[in-house]
Amino acid sequence: MSRFQFVEDHREAFEVKRLCQVLGIQRSSYYKWRATATARAERQEADAALAARIQRVHTDSDGAYGAPRITAELRDDGLVVNEKRVARVMRKFGIVGTHLRRKVRTTVSEPSATHHVARTPAPAARDTILRCSEATQTGVTSSHRQHC
């Protein structure tokens, strides 16, 4: 039950101003909710009718079609409908298409590996790294020279 519905149910026993204060909602929001009740009811009826058509297309496809294909089928039947609305109605009524692709696991982590790997080089490699000033002072071969 929404807070607005609670105010609607108890407005005979208590004043709306007090109920809105206790529930922490604006009175104007409550009155806006109350004014749009008929539009909400009409939208719920339209969604139920759309869900029936979606269910028919879904069963015709043996449960394989998702929101994009169902939207295309409904548009072919002459219904002007948005894919996002079809997806929302499918979620609301629990209609799900078939998932054919499996998730591909590309990286298998080693159990002994940690998430935070130290960024310092190994001790043997640390000895061979030279700063630019050291590289210019000593005659380091080009294979070990770092470019600054």
N, C-alpha and C. Protein backbone atom coordinates (compact mmCIF):
# COMPACT_ATOMS: atom_id res chain seq x y z
N MET A 1 0.85 -1.17 0.00
CA MET A 1 0.00 0.00 0.00
C MET A 1 0.90 1.24 0.00
N SER A 2 0.56 2.19 -0.83
CA SER A 2 1.34 3.42 -0.89
C SER A 2 0.90 4.36 0.24
N ARG A 3 1.75 5.31 0.51
CA ARG A 3 1.42 6.30 1.55
C ARG A 3 0.20 7.11 1.13
N PHE A 4 0.09 7.38 -0.18
CA PHE A 4 -1.06 8.14 -0.66
C PHE A 4 -2.35 7.36 -0.45
N GLN A 5 -2.30 6.06 -0.67
CA GLN A 5 -3.48 5.23 -0.46
C GLN A 5 -3.85 5.21 1.01
N PHE A 6 -2.85 5.21 1.89
CA PHE A 6 -3.11 5.26 3.33
C PHE A 6 -3.85 6.55 3.69
N VAL A 7 -3.40 7.67 3.14
CA VAL A 7 -4.08 8.95 3.39
C VAL A 7 -5.51 8.88 2.87
N GLU A 8 -5.70 8.31 1.69
CA GLU A 8 -7.04 8.19 1.10
C GLU A 8 -7.96 7.35 1.98
N ASP A 9 -7.42 6.27 2.53
CA ASP A 9 -8.24 5.37 3.34
C ASP A 9 -8.61 5.98 4.69
N HIS A 10 -7.77 6.86 5.24
CA HIS A 10 -8.00 7.41 6.57
C HIS A 10 -8.40 8.88 6.58
N ARG A 11 -8.75 9.43 5.44
CA ARG A 11 -9.06 10.86 5.39
C ARG A 11 -10.40 11.19 6.05
N GLU A 12 -11.26 10.21 6.26
CA GLU A 12 -12.53 10.46 6.95
C GLU A 12 -12.30 10.61 8.45
N ALA A 13 -11.34 9.86 9.00
CA ALA A 13 -11.09 9.89 10.44
C ALA A 13 -10.15 11.03 10.85
N PHE A 14 -9.19 11.37 9.97
CA PHE A 14 -8.21 12.40 10.29
C PHE A 14 -8.15 13.40 9.15
N GLU A 15 -7.65 14.59 9.45
CA GLU A 15 -7.54 15.58 8.38
C GLU A 15 -6.32 15.27 7.51
N VAL A 16 -6.42 15.61 6.26
CA VAL A 16 -5.38 15.30 5.28
C VAL A 16 -4.07 15.97 5.64
N LYS A 17 -4.15 17.19 6.13
CA LYS A 17 -2.93 17.93 6.48
C LYS A 17 -2.14 17.16 7.53
N ARG A 18 -2.80 16.68 8.56
CA ARG A 18 -2.13 15.95 9.64
C ARG A 18 -1.56 14.62 9.13
N LEU A 19 -2.30 13.90 8.33
CA LEU A 19 -1.82 12.62 7.79
C LEU A 19 -0.58 12.83 6.93
N CYS A 20 -0.59 13.86 6.12
CA CYS A 20 0.56 14.13 5.26
C CYS A 20 1.79 14.52 6.08
N GLN A 21 1.59 15.27 7.16
CA GLN A 21 2.70 15.63 8.02
C GLN A 21 3.30 14.39 8.67
N VAL A 22 2.45 13.51 9.17
CA VAL A 22 2.92 12.31 9.86
C VAL A 22 3.67 11.39 8.89
N LEU A 23 3.17 11.28 7.67
CA LEU A 23 3.78 10.38 6.69
C LEU A 23 4.94 11.03 5.93
N GLY A 24 5.11 12.33 6.09
CA GLY A 24 6.23 13.00 5.43
C GLY A 24 6.05 13.20 3.94
N ILE A 25 4.81 13.46 3.52
CA ILE A 25 4.55 13.73 2.10
C ILE A 25 3.91 15.10 1.97
N GLN A 26 4.00 15.67 0.80
CA GLN A 26 3.41 16.97 0.53
C GLN A 26 1.92 16.80 0.23
N ARG A 27 1.13 17.72 0.72
CA ARG A 27 -0.31 17.66 0.43
C ARG A 27 -0.58 17.78 -1.07
N SER A 28 0.21 18.62 -1.74
CA SER A 28 -0.01 18.79 -3.18
C SER A 28 0.28 17.48 -3.93
N SER A 29 1.25 16.71 -3.45
CA SER A 29 1.54 15.41 -4.07
C SER A 29 0.38 14.45 -3.88
N TYR A 30 -0.22 14.47 -2.70
CA TYR A 30 -1.38 13.61 -2.45
C TYR A 30 -2.53 13.98 -3.38
N TYR A 31 -2.81 15.28 -3.50
CA TYR A 31 -3.92 15.69 -4.34
C TYR A 31 -3.63 15.43 -5.82
N LYS A 32 -2.37 15.52 -6.22
CA LYS A 32 -2.00 15.17 -7.60
C LYS A 32 -2.23 13.67 -7.83
N TRP A 33 -1.82 12.84 -6.86
CA TRP A 33 -2.04 11.39 -6.95
C TRP A 33 -3.53 11.08 -7.05
N ARG A 34 -4.31 11.78 -6.26
CA ARG A 34 -5.76 11.55 -6.25
C ARG A 34 -6.40 11.97 -7.58
N ALA A 35 -5.89 13.06 -8.17
CA ALA A 35 -6.46 13.55 -9.42
C ALA A 35 -6.12 12.63 -10.59
N THR A 36 -5.02 11.93 -10.50
CA THR A 36 -4.60 11.06 -11.61
C THR A 36 -4.99 9.60 -11.41
N ALA A 37 -5.87 9.33 -10.47
CA ALA A 37 -6.28 7.95 -10.19
C ALA A 37 -6.98 7.31 -11.39
N THR A 38 -7.82 8.06 -12.09
CA THR A 38 -8.52 7.49 -13.23
C THR A 38 -7.54 7.17 -14.36
N ALA A 39 -6.57 8.05 -14.58
CA ALA A 39 -5.57 7.81 -15.63
C ALA A 39 -4.74 6.57 -15.30
N ARG A 40 -4.41 6.39 -14.02
CA ARG A 40 -3.66 5.19 -13.62
C ARG A 40 -4.47 3.93 -13.85
N ALA A 41 -5.74 3.99 -13.53
CA ALA A 41 -6.61 2.82 -13.73
C ALA A 41 -6.73 2.48 -15.22
N GLU A 42 -6.87 3.52 -16.05
CA GLU A 42 -6.95 3.28 -17.50
C GLU A 42 -5.66 2.69 -18.03
N ARG A 43 -4.51 3.18 -17.53
CA ARG A 43 -3.22 2.66 -17.97
C ARG A 43 -3.04 1.21 -17.54
N GLN A 44 -3.51 0.86 -16.36
CA GLN A 44 -3.42 -0.53 -15.89
C GLN A 44 -4.28 -1.45 -16.74
N GLU A 45 -5.45 -0.97 -17.14
CA GLU A 45 -6.32 -1.76 -18.02
C GLU A 45 -5.68 -1.92 -19.39
N ALA A 46 -5.08 -0.85 -19.91
CA ALA A 46 -4.41 -0.92 -21.21
C ALA A 46 -3.21 -1.85 -21.15
N ASP A 47 -2.47 -1.82 -20.03
CA ASP A 47 -1.34 -2.72 -19.87
C ASP A 47 -1.79 -4.17 -19.80
N ALA A 48 -2.92 -4.42 -19.15
CA ALA A 48 -3.44 -5.79 -19.08
C ALA A 48 -3.86 -6.28 -20.47
N ALA A 49 -4.48 -5.40 -21.26
CA ALA A 49 -4.86 -5.78 -22.62
C ALA A 49 -3.62 -6.02 -23.48
N LEU A 50 -2.62 -5.16 -23.32
CA LEU A 50 -1.37 -5.35 -24.05
C LEU A 50 -0.68 -6.63 -23.62
N ALA A 51 -0.73 -6.94 -22.34
CA ALA A 51 -0.11 -8.17 -21.83
C ALA A 51 -0.76 -9.40 -22.45
N ALA A 52 -2.07 -9.35 -22.67
CA ALA A 52 -2.75 -10.47 -23.31
C ALA A 52 -2.26 -10.66 -24.74
N ARG A 53 -2.08 -9.56 -25.47
CA ARG A 53 -1.57 -9.66 -26.84
C ARG A 53 -0.12 -10.13 -26.85
N ILE A 54 0.67 -9.62 -25.90
CA ILE A 54 2.07 -10.04 -25.79
C ILE A 54 2.14 -11.53 -25.49
N GLN A 55 1.28 -12.00 -24.58
CA GLN A 55 1.27 -13.42 -24.21
C GLN A 55 0.92 -14.28 -25.42
N ARG A 56 0.00 -13.81 -26.25
CA ARG A 56 -0.39 -14.57 -27.45
C ARG A 56 0.79 -14.68 -28.42
N VAL A 57 1.48 -13.56 -28.67
CA VAL A 57 2.64 -13.58 -29.57
C VAL A 57 3.75 -14.44 -28.95
N HIS A 58 3.90 -14.36 -27.64
CA HIS A 58 4.94 -15.12 -26.95
C HIS A 58 4.69 -16.62 -27.06
N THR A 59 3.45 -17.04 -26.88
CA THR A 59 3.14 -18.47 -27.00
C THR A 59 3.21 -18.94 -28.45
N ASP A 60 2.87 -18.07 -29.40
CA ASP A 60 2.99 -18.44 -30.82
C ASP A 60 4.44 -18.69 -31.20
N SER A 61 5.35 -18.04 -30.51
CA SER A 61 6.78 -18.22 -30.81
C SER A 61 7.40 -19.31 -29.94
N ASP A 62 6.58 -20.06 -29.24
CA ASP A 62 7.04 -21.11 -28.32
C ASP A 62 7.92 -20.55 -27.21
N GLY A 63 7.63 -19.34 -26.80
CA GLY A 63 8.36 -18.72 -25.69
C GLY A 63 9.73 -18.20 -26.05
N ALA A 64 10.03 -18.11 -27.34
CA ALA A 64 11.38 -17.72 -27.76
C ALA A 64 11.54 -16.21 -27.89
N TYR A 65 10.49 -15.49 -28.21
CA TYR A 65 10.61 -14.07 -28.50
C TYR A 65 10.73 -13.24 -27.23
N GLY A 66 11.59 -12.23 -27.31
CA GLY A 66 11.73 -11.25 -26.25
C GLY A 66 11.06 -9.95 -26.67
N ALA A 67 11.35 -8.89 -25.96
CA ALA A 67 10.69 -7.60 -26.20
C ALA A 67 10.91 -7.05 -27.61
N PRO A 68 12.13 -7.10 -28.19
CA PRO A 68 12.29 -6.53 -29.52
C PRO A 68 11.46 -7.24 -30.59
N ARG A 69 11.48 -8.56 -30.58
CA ARG A 69 10.72 -9.30 -31.59
C ARG A 69 9.22 -9.21 -31.36
N ILE A 70 8.80 -9.21 -30.11
CA ILE A 70 7.37 -9.07 -29.83
C ILE A 70 6.89 -7.70 -30.28
N THR A 71 7.70 -6.67 -30.05
CA THR A 71 7.34 -5.33 -30.51
C THR A 71 7.19 -5.30 -32.02
N ALA A 72 8.10 -5.95 -32.72
CA ALA A 72 8.03 -5.99 -34.19
C ALA A 72 6.76 -6.72 -34.64
N GLU A 73 6.42 -7.81 -33.98
CA GLU A 73 5.21 -8.55 -34.34
C GLU A 73 3.95 -7.71 -34.09
N LEU A 74 3.92 -7.00 -32.96
CA LEU A 74 2.76 -6.16 -32.66
C LEU A 74 2.64 -5.01 -33.64
N ARG A 75 3.78 -4.47 -34.06
CA ARG A 75 3.74 -3.40 -35.05
C ARG A 75 3.28 -3.92 -36.40
N ASP A 76 3.67 -5.16 -36.73
CA ASP A 76 3.19 -5.76 -37.98
C ASP A 76 1.68 -5.97 -37.95
N ASP A 77 1.13 -6.19 -36.75
CA ASP A 77 -0.32 -6.34 -36.60
C ASP A 77 -1.05 -5.01 -36.60
N GLY A 78 -0.29 -3.89 -36.65
CA GLY A 78 -0.89 -2.58 -36.73
C GLY A 78 -0.98 -1.84 -35.40
N LEU A 79 -0.42 -2.38 -34.35
CA LEU A 79 -0.46 -1.72 -33.05
C LEU A 79 0.75 -0.81 -32.92
N VAL A 80 0.54 0.45 -32.54
CA VAL A 80 1.63 1.39 -32.33
C VAL A 80 2.05 1.26 -30.87
N VAL A 81 3.24 0.71 -30.68
CA VAL A 81 3.71 0.45 -29.32
C VAL A 81 5.23 0.62 -29.27
N ASN A 82 5.74 1.05 -28.14
CA ASN A 82 7.15 1.27 -27.94
C ASN A 82 7.78 0.01 -27.34
N GLU A 83 9.02 -0.27 -27.71
CA GLU A 83 9.71 -1.46 -27.20
C GLU A 83 9.91 -1.39 -25.69
N LYS A 84 10.16 -0.19 -25.17
CA LYS A 84 10.34 -0.06 -23.72
C LYS A 84 9.06 -0.37 -22.96
N ARG A 85 7.92 0.01 -23.53
CA ARG A 85 6.65 -0.31 -22.89
C ARG A 85 6.41 -1.81 -22.91
N VAL A 86 6.72 -2.45 -24.04
CA VAL A 86 6.56 -3.90 -24.13
C VAL A 86 7.46 -4.58 -23.11
N ALA A 87 8.68 -4.12 -22.96
CA ALA A 87 9.60 -4.71 -21.99
C ALA A 87 9.08 -4.50 -20.56
N ARG A 88 8.54 -3.33 -20.27
CA ARG A 88 8.00 -3.06 -18.94
C ARG A 88 6.81 -3.96 -18.63
N VAL A 89 5.91 -4.11 -19.59
CA VAL A 89 4.74 -4.96 -19.38
C VAL A 89 5.16 -6.43 -19.25
N MET A 90 6.15 -6.84 -20.03
CA MET A 90 6.64 -8.22 -19.92
C MET A 90 7.23 -8.47 -18.54
N ARG A 91 8.00 -7.52 -18.01
CA ARG A 91 8.55 -7.67 -16.66
C ARG A 91 7.44 -7.74 -15.62
N LYS A 92 6.44 -6.86 -15.77
CA LYS A 92 5.36 -6.78 -14.80
C LYS A 92 4.55 -8.07 -14.75
N PHE A 93 4.33 -8.69 -15.91
CA PHE A 93 3.51 -9.90 -15.96
C PHE A 93 4.34 -11.18 -16.01
N GLY A 94 5.65 -11.08 -15.89
CA GLY A 94 6.50 -12.26 -15.80
C GLY A 94 6.67 -13.02 -17.10
N ILE A 95 6.65 -12.33 -18.22
CA ILE A 95 6.84 -12.97 -19.53
C ILE A 95 8.30 -12.80 -19.92
N VAL A 96 9.00 -13.92 -20.16
CA VAL A 96 10.43 -13.89 -20.43
C VAL A 96 10.71 -14.70 -21.69
N GLY A 97 11.54 -14.16 -22.56
CA GLY A 97 11.95 -14.88 -23.76
C GLY A 97 13.05 -15.87 -23.45
N THR A 98 13.36 -16.71 -24.43
CA THR A 98 14.40 -17.72 -24.25
C THR A 98 15.77 -17.08 -24.37
N HIS A 99 16.68 -17.48 -23.49
CA HIS A 99 18.06 -17.01 -23.53
C HIS A 99 18.89 -18.10 -24.20
N LEU A 100 19.32 -17.86 -25.43
CA LEU A 100 20.05 -18.89 -26.17
C LEU A 100 21.54 -18.85 -25.91
N ARG A 101 22.06 -17.68 -25.65
CA ARG A 101 23.50 -17.56 -25.49
C ARG A 101 23.90 -17.86 -24.05
N ARG A 102 25.00 -18.58 -23.93
CA ARG A 102 25.54 -18.82 -22.61
C ARG A 102 26.60 -17.79 -22.32
N LYS A 103 26.78 -17.50 -21.07
CA LYS A 103 27.80 -16.55 -20.69
C LYS A 103 29.17 -17.20 -20.85
N VAL A 104 30.04 -16.54 -21.58
CA VAL A 104 31.37 -17.08 -21.84
C VAL A 104 32.31 -16.56 -20.77
N ARG A 105 32.98 -17.48 -20.13
CA ARG A 105 33.94 -17.10 -19.10
C ARG A 105 35.31 -17.06 -19.73
N THR A 106 35.86 -15.87 -19.85
CA THR A 106 37.12 -15.72 -20.56
C THR A 106 38.33 -15.74 -19.64
N THR A 107 38.14 -15.42 -18.37
CA THR A 107 39.26 -15.37 -17.45
C THR A 107 38.97 -16.31 -16.28
N VAL A 108 39.90 -17.22 -16.03
CA VAL A 108 39.78 -18.10 -14.89
C VAL A 108 40.84 -17.66 -13.88
N SER A 109 40.37 -17.16 -12.76
CA SER A 109 41.32 -16.65 -11.78
C SER A 109 41.96 -17.81 -11.02
N GLU A 110 43.20 -17.63 -10.70
CA GLU A 110 43.93 -18.62 -9.93
C GLU A 110 43.54 -18.46 -8.47
N PRO A 111 43.23 -19.53 -7.77
CA PRO A 111 42.77 -19.39 -6.39
C PRO A 111 43.80 -18.74 -5.47
N SER A 112 45.09 -18.95 -5.74
CA SER A 112 46.10 -18.38 -4.87
C SER A 112 46.38 -16.91 -5.16
N ALA A 113 45.87 -16.42 -6.30
CA ALA A 113 46.11 -15.02 -6.67
C ALA A 113 45.27 -14.11 -5.79
N THR A 114 45.81 -12.96 -5.49
CA THR A 114 45.06 -11.98 -4.70
C THR A 114 44.58 -10.88 -5.63
N HIS A 115 43.64 -10.12 -5.13
CA HIS A 115 43.09 -9.04 -5.95
C HIS A 115 44.02 -7.84 -6.01
N HIS A 116 44.80 -7.65 -4.97
CA HIS A 116 45.69 -6.50 -4.93
C HIS A 116 47.12 -6.98 -5.10
N VAL A 117 47.58 -6.91 -6.31
CA VAL A 117 48.94 -7.34 -6.62
C VAL A 117 49.88 -6.17 -6.38
N ALA A 118 50.98 -6.44 -5.75
CA ALA A 118 51.95 -5.37 -5.50
C ALA A 118 52.50 -4.87 -6.82
N ARG A 119 52.66 -3.57 -6.92
CA ARG A 119 53.11 -2.96 -8.16
C ARG A 119 54.63 -2.85 -8.24
N THR A 120 55.34 -3.28 -7.23
CA THR A 120 56.80 -3.19 -7.27
C THR A 120 57.36 -4.39 -8.00
N PRO A 121 58.41 -4.20 -8.77
CA PRO A 121 58.99 -5.32 -9.50
C PRO A 121 59.68 -6.30 -8.56
N ALA A 122 59.95 -7.48 -9.07
CA ALA A 122 60.63 -8.51 -8.29
C ALA A 122 62.03 -8.01 -7.92
N PRO A 123 62.63 -8.53 -6.83
CA PRO A 123 63.94 -8.04 -6.40
C PRO A 123 65.01 -8.14 -7.47
N ALA A 124 65.03 -9.21 -8.27
CA ALA A 124 66.05 -9.34 -9.30
C ALA A 124 65.87 -8.27 -10.38
N ALA A 125 64.63 -7.97 -10.73
CA ALA A 125 64.37 -6.97 -11.75
C ALA A 125 64.60 -5.56 -11.21
N ARG A 126 64.44 -5.36 -9.92
CA ARG A 126 64.62 -4.04 -9.32
C ARG A 126 66.07 -3.58 -9.45
N ASP A 127 67.00 -4.51 -9.40
CA ASP A 127 68.41 -4.15 -9.51
C ASP A 127 68.78 -3.64 -10.89
N THR A 128 68.06 -4.08 -11.92
CA THR A 128 68.41 -3.68 -13.28
C THR A 128 67.76 -2.38 -13.70
N ILE A 129 66.78 -1.89 -12.95
CA ILE A 129 66.11 -0.64 -13.31
C ILE A 129 66.96 0.53 -12.83
N LEU A 130 67.23 1.43 -13.74
CA LEU A 130 68.04 2.60 -13.42
C LEU A 130 67.24 3.86 -13.65
N ARG A 131 67.52 4.87 -12.88
CA ARG A 131 66.90 6.16 -13.13
C ARG A 131 67.55 6.78 -14.36
N CYS A 132 66.91 7.78 -14.91
CA CYS A 132 67.44 8.43 -16.11
C CYS A 132 68.81 9.06 -15.83
N SER A 133 68.98 9.64 -14.64
CA SER A 133 70.26 10.26 -14.32
C SER A 133 71.36 9.20 -14.22
N GLU A 134 71.04 8.03 -13.66
CA GLU A 134 72.02 6.95 -13.57
C GLU A 134 72.34 6.41 -14.96
N ALA A 135 71.32 6.36 -15.82
CA ALA A 135 71.51 5.80 -17.14
C ALA A 135 72.43 6.68 -17.98
N THR A 136 72.34 7.99 -17.78
CA THR A 136 73.21 8.88 -18.56
C THR A 136 74.62 8.92 -17.98
N GLN A 137 74.74 8.74 -16.66
CA GLN A 137 76.07 8.78 -16.06
C GLN A 137 76.85 7.50 -16.34
N THR A 138 76.18 6.38 -16.29
CA THR A 138 76.85 5.11 -16.57
C THR A 138 76.58 4.75 -18.02
N GLY A 139 77.40 4.07 -18.60
CA GLY A 139 77.22 3.67 -20.00
C GLY A 139 76.35 2.43 -20.11
N VAL A 140 75.06 2.58 -19.99
CA VAL A 140 74.13 1.45 -20.05
C VAL A 140 73.85 1.14 -21.51
N THR A 141 73.75 -0.13 -21.81
CA THR A 141 73.46 -0.52 -23.19
C THR A 141 72.04 -0.11 -23.54
N SER A 142 71.75 -0.02 -24.81
CA SER A 142 70.44 0.46 -25.25
C SER A 142 69.31 -0.48 -24.87
N SER A 143 69.59 -1.75 -24.62
CA SER A 143 68.53 -2.68 -24.27
C SER A 143 68.02 -2.43 -22.85
N HIS A 144 68.84 -1.87 -21.96
CA HIS A 144 68.42 -1.60 -20.61
C HIS A 144 68.04 -0.15 -20.38
N ARG A 145 68.22 0.69 -21.35
CA ARG A 145 68.00 2.12 -21.17
C ARG A 145 66.50 2.43 -21.18
N GLN A 146 66.04 3.21 -20.21
CA GLN A 146 64.67 3.67 -20.21
C GLN A 146 64.62 5.04 -20.85
N HIS A 147 63.58 5.27 -21.63
CA HIS A 147 63.43 6.57 -22.26
C HIS A 147 62.66 7.47 -21.32
N CYS A 148 63.17 8.66 -21.12
CA CYS A 148 62.55 9.61 -20.18
C CYS A 148 61.73 10.63 -20.93
